[in-house]
Amino acid sequence: MVQQIEQRHLDFVKDARKTFEENSEMHTYRNGTNDDNDTLIALRYGMDRDCILVYELGECVANFVQQTRPVPNPRNEVMKFAFEMEKQLSANEHKGGWKRDHHQDLTGFLLLNLEKLRHELIKIPPNRDKQEITKRCANIANFAMMIADNEGEPL
């Protein structure tokens, strides 16, 4: 059965969002206090736990996606850097195939990128290429991740 989304549902999502933002460990939110007004249930939902799934007396009202900050909640700088890592990894010849690479080869690529980063950083600031610096840092992080994936403990 399809249900019409009403203003009370949107108000409830707003309350649930506020509650979930205040407590990142909370997974379920209900309105009211077990009386006749206690008809809505919100569930933190989604891969990043940033969606709110609303039920009314067992019927799904809607899945309100990306309503809260993803949990864990990485800082914007970390998210931007992760996207840059993904961009560099997509451009890299390894593209997920690093399982077959020896740690010495991966370490060599890491050191090559470190040397290129160092070369860029020793330039006088107006002459530095900020995109090159970001690219090299992302590559260094990617090769470190590959080494950890192959040689370290599973995360």
N, C-alpha and C. Protein backbone atom coordinates (compact mmCIF):
# COMPACT_ATOMS: atom_id res chain seq x y z
N MET A 1 0.84 -1.18 0.00
CA MET A 1 0.00 0.00 0.00
C MET A 1 0.88 1.24 0.00
N VAL A 2 0.63 2.14 -0.90
CA VAL A 2 1.36 3.39 -0.97
C VAL A 2 0.67 4.41 -0.07
N GLN A 3 1.46 5.12 0.70
CA GLN A 3 0.90 6.08 1.63
C GLN A 3 1.38 7.47 1.24
N GLN A 4 0.51 8.43 1.37
CA GLN A 4 0.82 9.82 1.09
C GLN A 4 1.72 10.38 2.19
N ILE A 5 2.80 11.02 1.82
CA ILE A 5 3.66 11.66 2.81
C ILE A 5 2.98 12.95 3.25
N GLU A 6 2.82 13.09 4.54
CA GLU A 6 2.14 14.25 5.12
C GLU A 6 3.14 15.11 5.88
N GLN A 7 2.71 16.30 6.24
CA GLN A 7 3.58 17.21 6.98
C GLN A 7 4.04 16.59 8.31
N ARG A 8 3.18 15.83 8.96
CA ARG A 8 3.56 15.21 10.23
C ARG A 8 4.71 14.22 10.02
N HIS A 9 4.78 13.58 8.84
CA HIS A 9 5.89 12.69 8.54
C HIS A 9 7.19 13.49 8.40
N LEU A 10 7.11 14.60 7.70
CA LEU A 10 8.29 15.44 7.51
C LEU A 10 8.76 16.03 8.84
N ASP A 11 7.80 16.43 9.68
CA ASP A 11 8.16 16.94 11.02
C ASP A 11 8.84 15.85 11.84
N PHE A 12 8.33 14.62 11.71
CA PHE A 12 8.90 13.49 12.43
C PHE A 12 10.33 13.21 11.95
N VAL A 13 10.56 13.27 10.64
CA VAL A 13 11.91 13.07 10.09
C VAL A 13 12.85 14.14 10.65
N LYS A 14 12.37 15.36 10.75
CA LYS A 14 13.19 16.45 11.30
C LYS A 14 13.58 16.14 12.75
N ASP A 15 12.62 15.67 13.55
CA ASP A 15 12.90 15.31 14.94
C ASP A 15 13.87 14.13 15.02
N ALA A 16 13.64 13.13 14.16
CA ALA A 16 14.51 11.95 14.16
C ALA A 16 15.92 12.34 13.74
N ARG A 17 16.04 13.19 12.72
CA ARG A 17 17.36 13.65 12.26
C ARG A 17 18.11 14.32 13.40
N LYS A 18 17.42 15.20 14.12
CA LYS A 18 18.04 15.92 15.24
C LYS A 18 18.52 14.93 16.30
N THR A 19 17.67 13.96 16.62
CA THR A 19 18.02 12.96 17.62
C THR A 19 19.21 12.12 17.17
N PHE A 20 19.21 11.68 15.91
CA PHE A 20 20.32 10.87 15.39
C PHE A 20 21.62 11.68 15.34
N GLU A 21 21.52 12.95 15.00
CA GLU A 21 22.72 13.81 14.95
C GLU A 21 23.31 13.97 16.34
N GLU A 22 22.44 14.03 17.37
CA GLU A 22 22.91 14.21 18.75
C GLU A 22 23.50 12.93 19.33
N ASN A 23 23.08 11.77 18.80
CA ASN A 23 23.55 10.50 19.33
C ASN A 23 23.86 9.56 18.17
N SER A 24 25.13 9.46 17.80
CA SER A 24 25.51 8.65 16.63
C SER A 24 25.34 7.15 16.88
N GLU A 25 25.15 6.74 18.13
CA GLU A 25 24.96 5.32 18.45
C GLU A 25 23.50 4.90 18.33
N MET A 26 22.59 5.86 18.29
CA MET A 26 21.16 5.54 18.24
C MET A 26 20.77 5.05 16.85
N HIS A 27 19.96 3.99 16.81
CA HIS A 27 19.53 3.40 15.55
C HIS A 27 18.04 3.53 15.30
N THR A 28 17.27 3.71 16.37
CA THR A 28 15.82 3.75 16.28
C THR A 28 15.28 4.95 17.04
N TYR A 29 14.29 5.60 16.46
CA TYR A 29 13.64 6.75 17.11
C TYR A 29 12.14 6.57 16.97
N ARG A 30 11.40 6.82 18.05
CA ARG A 30 9.93 6.73 18.02
C ARG A 30 9.35 8.04 18.52
N ASN A 31 8.19 8.37 17.97
CA ASN A 31 7.52 9.56 18.48
C ASN A 31 6.61 9.16 19.63
N GLY A 32 6.26 10.10 20.47
CA GLY A 32 5.34 9.83 21.57
C GLY A 32 5.98 8.97 22.65
N THR A 33 5.14 8.54 23.56
CA THR A 33 5.60 7.73 24.69
C THR A 33 4.65 6.56 24.91
N ASN A 34 4.56 5.69 23.93
CA ASN A 34 3.73 4.49 24.00
C ASN A 34 2.25 4.77 24.24
N ASP A 35 1.76 5.87 23.73
CA ASP A 35 0.32 6.13 23.81
C ASP A 35 -0.23 6.17 22.39
N ASP A 36 -1.40 6.71 22.20
CA ASP A 36 -2.03 6.74 20.88
C ASP A 36 -1.23 7.54 19.86
N ASN A 37 -0.39 8.47 20.32
CA ASN A 37 0.40 9.29 19.40
C ASN A 37 1.68 8.60 18.95
N ASP A 38 1.99 7.45 19.55
CA ASP A 38 3.22 6.72 19.24
C ASP A 38 2.99 5.83 18.03
N THR A 39 2.94 6.46 16.84
CA THR A 39 2.61 5.70 15.63
C THR A 39 3.75 5.65 14.62
N LEU A 40 4.79 6.44 14.79
CA LEU A 40 5.87 6.50 13.82
C LEU A 40 7.17 5.96 14.42
N ILE A 41 7.91 5.25 13.60
CA ILE A 41 9.21 4.71 13.98
C ILE A 41 10.20 5.08 12.89
N ALA A 42 11.35 5.62 13.28
CA ALA A 42 12.42 5.97 12.34
C ALA A 42 13.61 5.05 12.59
N LEU A 43 14.19 4.55 11.51
CA LEU A 43 15.37 3.70 11.60
C LEU A 43 16.52 4.36 10.86
N ARG A 44 17.67 4.43 11.52
CA ARG A 44 18.88 4.88 10.81
C ARG A 44 19.18 3.79 9.80
N TYR A 45 19.47 4.17 8.56
CA TYR A 45 19.49 3.21 7.48
C TYR A 45 20.55 3.59 6.46
N GLY A 46 20.98 2.65 5.66
CA GLY A 46 21.90 2.92 4.55
C GLY A 46 23.32 2.53 4.89
N MET A 47 24.12 2.40 3.84
CA MET A 47 25.50 1.99 3.98
C MET A 47 26.29 2.93 4.90
N ASP A 48 26.04 4.22 4.77
CA ASP A 48 26.73 5.21 5.61
C ASP A 48 25.91 5.60 6.82
N ARG A 49 24.78 4.91 7.03
CA ARG A 49 23.86 5.21 8.13
C ARG A 49 23.44 6.67 8.11
N ASP A 50 23.21 7.20 6.91
CA ASP A 50 22.82 8.60 6.77
C ASP A 50 21.40 8.75 6.22
N CYS A 51 20.66 7.66 6.16
CA CYS A 51 19.28 7.69 5.68
C CYS A 51 18.35 7.42 6.85
N ILE A 52 17.11 7.83 6.71
CA ILE A 52 16.11 7.58 7.74
C ILE A 52 14.93 6.88 7.08
N LEU A 53 14.66 5.67 7.54
CA LEU A 53 13.54 4.88 7.05
C LEU A 53 12.40 5.04 8.05
N VAL A 54 11.22 5.48 7.59
CA VAL A 54 10.10 5.76 8.48
C VAL A 54 9.00 4.73 8.27
N TYR A 55 8.52 4.17 9.38
CA TYR A 55 7.39 3.25 9.36
C TYR A 55 6.26 3.83 10.19
N GLU A 56 5.05 3.55 9.76
CA GLU A 56 3.88 3.91 10.54
C GLU A 56 3.04 2.66 10.71
N LEU A 57 2.90 2.21 11.94
CA LEU A 57 2.13 1.00 12.25
C LEU A 57 2.48 -0.15 11.31
N GLY A 58 3.78 -0.33 11.06
CA GLY A 58 4.25 -1.42 10.24
C GLY A 58 4.33 -1.12 8.76
N GLU A 59 3.79 -0.02 8.30
CA GLU A 59 3.83 0.33 6.88
C GLU A 59 4.97 1.33 6.65
N CYS A 60 5.76 1.09 5.63
CA CYS A 60 6.84 2.02 5.29
C CYS A 60 6.25 3.27 4.68
N VAL A 61 6.59 4.42 5.23
CA VAL A 61 6.14 5.70 4.68
C VAL A 61 7.08 6.12 3.56
N ALA A 62 8.37 6.12 3.86
CA ALA A 62 9.35 6.54 2.87
C ALA A 62 10.75 6.29 3.40
N ASN A 63 11.71 6.21 2.49
CA ASN A 63 13.11 6.14 2.84
C ASN A 63 13.71 7.50 2.50
N PHE A 64 13.96 8.30 3.52
CA PHE A 64 14.51 9.64 3.33
C PHE A 64 16.03 9.50 3.31
N VAL A 65 16.63 9.54 2.13
CA VAL A 65 18.05 9.25 1.99
C VAL A 65 18.91 10.45 2.33
N GLN A 66 20.10 10.16 2.79
CA GLN A 66 21.15 11.13 3.09
C GLN A 66 20.63 12.29 3.94
N GLN A 67 19.98 11.94 5.04
CA GLN A 67 19.41 12.93 5.94
C GLN A 67 20.38 13.34 7.05
N THR A 68 21.33 12.48 7.36
CA THR A 68 22.28 12.78 8.41
C THR A 68 23.69 12.62 7.86
N ARG A 69 24.65 13.12 8.62
CA ARG A 69 26.04 12.95 8.22
C ARG A 69 26.38 11.47 8.24
N PRO A 70 27.18 10.99 7.29
CA PRO A 70 27.58 9.58 7.31
C PRO A 70 28.32 9.25 8.60
N VAL A 71 28.13 8.03 9.09
CA VAL A 71 28.80 7.59 10.30
C VAL A 71 29.67 6.41 9.91
N PRO A 72 30.93 6.32 10.20
CA PRO A 72 31.61 7.35 10.96
C PRO A 72 31.64 8.66 10.19
N ASN A 73 31.80 9.72 10.92
CA ASN A 73 31.68 11.04 10.33
C ASN A 73 33.05 11.63 10.05
N PRO A 74 33.67 11.26 8.91
CA PRO A 74 34.98 11.85 8.62
C PRO A 74 34.86 13.34 8.31
N ARG A 75 35.90 14.06 8.62
CA ARG A 75 35.92 15.48 8.32
C ARG A 75 35.88 15.70 6.81
N ASN A 76 35.43 16.87 6.39
CA ASN A 76 35.35 17.20 4.96
C ASN A 76 36.69 17.03 4.28
N GLU A 77 37.77 17.40 4.95
CA GLU A 77 39.10 17.28 4.36
C GLU A 77 39.44 15.82 4.09
N VAL A 78 39.04 14.93 5.00
CA VAL A 78 39.30 13.50 4.83
C VAL A 78 38.48 12.97 3.66
N MET A 79 37.22 13.38 3.56
CA MET A 79 36.37 12.93 2.46
C MET A 79 36.91 13.42 1.12
N LYS A 80 37.31 14.68 1.05
CA LYS A 80 37.86 15.21 -0.20
C LYS A 80 39.14 14.47 -0.59
N PHE A 81 39.97 14.17 0.42
CA PHE A 81 41.21 13.45 0.14
C PHE A 81 40.91 12.02 -0.32
N ALA A 82 39.89 11.39 0.28
CA ALA A 82 39.51 10.04 -0.14
C ALA A 82 39.05 10.04 -1.59
N PHE A 83 38.30 11.07 -1.99
CA PHE A 83 37.87 11.17 -3.39
C PHE A 83 39.06 11.37 -4.30
N GLU A 84 40.04 12.15 -3.86
CA GLU A 84 41.26 12.34 -4.66
C GLU A 84 42.04 11.04 -4.75
N MET A 85 42.09 10.29 -3.67
CA MET A 85 42.75 8.98 -3.71
C MET A 85 42.07 8.08 -4.73
N GLU A 86 40.74 8.07 -4.71
CA GLU A 86 39.99 7.23 -5.65
C GLU A 86 40.26 7.67 -7.08
N LYS A 87 40.31 8.97 -7.31
CA LYS A 87 40.59 9.49 -8.65
C LYS A 87 41.98 9.04 -9.11
N GLN A 88 42.96 9.15 -8.24
CA GLN A 88 44.32 8.76 -8.59
C GLN A 88 44.42 7.25 -8.77
N LEU A 89 43.71 6.51 -7.94
CA LEU A 89 43.74 5.05 -8.06
C LEU A 89 43.13 4.62 -9.39
N SER A 90 42.07 5.29 -9.82
CA SER A 90 41.45 4.97 -11.11
C SER A 90 42.39 5.26 -12.27
N ALA A 91 43.22 6.28 -12.12
CA ALA A 91 44.17 6.64 -13.17
C ALA A 91 45.43 5.77 -13.11
N ASN A 92 45.61 5.08 -12.00
CA ASN A 92 46.81 4.29 -11.77
C ASN A 92 46.71 2.94 -12.46
N GLU A 93 47.82 2.40 -12.86
CA GLU A 93 47.85 1.11 -13.56
C GLU A 93 47.39 -0.04 -12.67
N HIS A 94 47.39 0.13 -11.37
CA HIS A 94 47.06 -0.97 -10.47
C HIS A 94 45.56 -1.26 -10.43
N LYS A 95 44.73 -0.25 -10.36
CA LYS A 95 43.26 -0.37 -10.41
C LYS A 95 42.74 -1.62 -9.73
N GLY A 96 43.12 -1.84 -8.50
CA GLY A 96 42.62 -2.99 -7.76
C GLY A 96 43.44 -4.24 -7.93
N GLY A 97 44.45 -4.22 -8.78
CA GLY A 97 45.24 -5.42 -9.03
C GLY A 97 46.52 -5.48 -8.22
N TRP A 98 46.59 -4.78 -7.13
CA TRP A 98 47.84 -4.73 -6.37
C TRP A 98 48.11 -6.00 -5.57
N LYS A 99 47.16 -6.91 -5.49
CA LYS A 99 47.37 -8.16 -4.75
C LYS A 99 48.54 -8.95 -5.34
N ARG A 100 48.78 -8.79 -6.62
CA ARG A 100 49.85 -9.55 -7.27
C ARG A 100 51.20 -8.81 -7.21
N ASP A 101 51.21 -7.58 -6.68
CA ASP A 101 52.45 -6.80 -6.60
C ASP A 101 53.20 -7.09 -5.31
N HIS A 102 54.51 -7.21 -5.44
CA HIS A 102 55.37 -7.43 -4.29
C HIS A 102 55.49 -6.12 -3.51
N HIS A 103 55.65 -6.26 -2.19
CA HIS A 103 55.73 -5.06 -1.36
C HIS A 103 56.91 -4.17 -1.74
N GLN A 104 57.98 -4.75 -2.28
CA GLN A 104 59.12 -3.92 -2.69
C GLN A 104 58.75 -3.04 -3.89
N ASP A 105 57.94 -3.58 -4.81
CA ASP A 105 57.50 -2.77 -5.95
C ASP A 105 56.58 -1.64 -5.47
N LEU A 106 55.65 -1.98 -4.59
CA LEU A 106 54.73 -0.96 -4.08
C LEU A 106 55.48 0.09 -3.28
N THR A 107 56.46 -0.35 -2.48
CA THR A 107 57.28 0.60 -1.73
C THR A 107 58.07 1.50 -2.68
N GLY A 108 58.55 0.93 -3.77
CA GLY A 108 59.27 1.73 -4.77
C GLY A 108 58.38 2.82 -5.37
N PHE A 109 57.13 2.46 -5.70
CA PHE A 109 56.19 3.46 -6.23
C PHE A 109 55.89 4.53 -5.18
N LEU A 110 55.75 4.10 -3.92
CA LEU A 110 55.50 5.05 -2.84
C LEU A 110 56.67 6.03 -2.73
N LEU A 111 57.90 5.50 -2.75
CA LEU A 111 59.08 6.35 -2.63
C LEU A 111 59.25 7.27 -3.84
N LEU A 112 58.91 6.78 -5.03
CA LEU A 112 58.97 7.62 -6.23
C LEU A 112 58.04 8.81 -6.09
N ASN A 113 56.81 8.56 -5.61
CA ASN A 113 55.86 9.64 -5.40
C ASN A 113 56.31 10.56 -4.27
N LEU A 114 56.93 10.00 -3.25
CA LEU A 114 57.46 10.81 -2.15
C LEU A 114 58.55 11.75 -2.66
N GLU A 115 59.41 11.24 -3.52
CA GLU A 115 60.48 12.07 -4.08
C GLU A 115 59.90 13.19 -4.95
N LYS A 116 58.89 12.88 -5.75
CA LYS A 116 58.25 13.90 -6.57
C LYS A 116 57.54 14.94 -5.70
N LEU A 117 56.94 14.49 -4.60
CA LEU A 117 56.31 15.42 -3.66
C LEU A 117 57.37 16.31 -3.02
N ARG A 118 58.46 15.72 -2.58
CA ARG A 118 59.54 16.49 -1.96
C ARG A 118 60.09 17.53 -2.93
N HIS A 119 60.24 17.12 -4.20
CA HIS A 119 60.74 18.04 -5.23
C HIS A 119 59.80 19.24 -5.39
N GLU A 120 58.50 18.98 -5.33
CA GLU A 120 57.53 20.07 -5.48
C GLU A 120 57.52 20.98 -4.25
N LEU A 121 57.67 20.38 -3.07
CA LEU A 121 57.60 21.14 -1.83
C LEU A 121 58.82 22.04 -1.60
N ILE A 122 59.96 21.71 -2.19
CA ILE A 122 61.14 22.55 -1.97
C ILE A 122 61.12 23.81 -2.85
N LYS A 123 60.16 23.87 -3.75
CA LYS A 123 60.04 25.09 -4.57
C LYS A 123 59.53 26.23 -3.72
N ILE A 124 59.87 27.44 -4.13
CA ILE A 124 59.37 28.62 -3.43
C ILE A 124 57.85 28.68 -3.63
N PRO A 125 57.08 28.93 -2.56
CA PRO A 125 55.62 28.80 -2.60
C PRO A 125 54.88 29.32 -3.83
N PRO A 126 55.17 30.46 -4.39
CA PRO A 126 54.36 30.83 -5.56
C PRO A 126 54.57 29.91 -6.76
N ASN A 127 55.67 29.18 -6.76
CA ASN A 127 55.98 28.30 -7.89
C ASN A 127 55.53 26.86 -7.67
N ARG A 128 54.97 26.59 -6.52
CA ARG A 128 54.51 25.23 -6.23
C ARG A 128 53.23 24.92 -6.99
N ASP A 129 53.13 23.70 -7.46
CA ASP A 129 51.92 23.23 -8.15
C ASP A 129 51.07 22.49 -7.12
N LYS A 130 50.02 23.15 -6.63
CA LYS A 130 49.19 22.57 -5.58
C LYS A 130 48.48 21.30 -6.03
N GLN A 131 48.09 21.24 -7.29
CA GLN A 131 47.46 20.01 -7.80
C GLN A 131 48.45 18.86 -7.80
N GLU A 132 49.68 19.13 -8.16
CA GLU A 132 50.71 18.10 -8.15
C GLU A 132 50.96 17.60 -6.72
N ILE A 133 50.96 18.52 -5.76
CA ILE A 133 51.16 18.14 -4.36
C ILE A 133 50.03 17.22 -3.90
N THR A 134 48.79 17.60 -4.20
CA THR A 134 47.63 16.79 -3.82
C THR A 134 47.69 15.42 -4.50
N LYS A 135 48.02 15.40 -5.77
CA LYS A 135 48.12 14.15 -6.52
C LYS A 135 49.16 13.22 -5.90
N ARG A 136 50.32 13.76 -5.60
CA ARG A 136 51.39 12.93 -5.03
C ARG A 136 51.02 12.41 -3.64
N CYS A 137 50.39 13.26 -2.83
CA CYS A 137 49.95 12.82 -1.50
C CYS A 137 48.93 11.69 -1.63
N ALA A 138 47.99 11.83 -2.57
CA ALA A 138 46.99 10.78 -2.79
C ALA A 138 47.64 9.49 -3.26
N ASN A 139 48.62 9.60 -4.15
CA ASN A 139 49.33 8.40 -4.61
C ASN A 139 50.09 7.73 -3.48
N ILE A 140 50.75 8.52 -2.64
CA ILE A 140 51.47 7.96 -1.50
C ILE A 140 50.50 7.21 -0.59
N ALA A 141 49.35 7.83 -0.32
CA ALA A 141 48.35 7.17 0.53
C ALA A 141 47.84 5.89 -0.13
N ASN A 142 47.63 5.92 -1.44
CA ASN A 142 47.16 4.72 -2.14
C ASN A 142 48.17 3.58 -2.05
N PHE A 143 49.45 3.89 -2.29
CA PHE A 143 50.44 2.82 -2.22
C PHE A 143 50.60 2.31 -0.79
N ALA A 144 50.47 3.20 0.20
CA ALA A 144 50.50 2.75 1.59
C ALA A 144 49.30 1.85 1.87
N MET A 145 48.13 2.19 1.33
CA MET A 145 46.94 1.38 1.51
C MET A 145 47.13 0.00 0.85
N MET A 146 47.74 -0.03 -0.33
CA MET A 146 47.98 -1.30 -1.03
C MET A 146 48.91 -2.19 -0.21
N ILE A 147 49.96 -1.60 0.35
CA ILE A 147 50.89 -2.36 1.18
C ILE A 147 50.16 -2.89 2.41
N ALA A 148 49.38 -2.05 3.05
CA ALA A 148 48.61 -2.48 4.22
C ALA A 148 47.64 -3.59 3.84
N ASP A 149 47.00 -3.48 2.69
CA ASP A 149 46.04 -4.50 2.25
C ASP A 149 46.74 -5.84 2.02
N ASN A 150 47.92 -5.78 1.43
CA ASN A 150 48.65 -7.01 1.14
C ASN A 150 49.38 -7.59 2.34
N GLU A 151 49.96 -6.73 3.17
CA GLU A 151 50.89 -7.19 4.20
C GLU A 151 50.40 -7.00 5.62
N GLY A 152 49.44 -6.11 5.83
CA GLY A 152 49.01 -5.77 7.20
C GLY A 152 47.82 -6.58 7.66
N GLU A 153 47.29 -6.17 8.79
CA GLU A 153 46.09 -6.77 9.37
C GLU A 153 44.87 -6.27 8.63
N PRO A 154 43.84 -7.11 8.45
CA PRO A 154 42.59 -6.64 7.83
C PRO A 154 41.97 -5.55 8.69
N LEU A 155 41.42 -4.53 8.04
CA LEU A 155 40.77 -3.44 8.78
C LEU A 155 39.36 -3.80 9.16
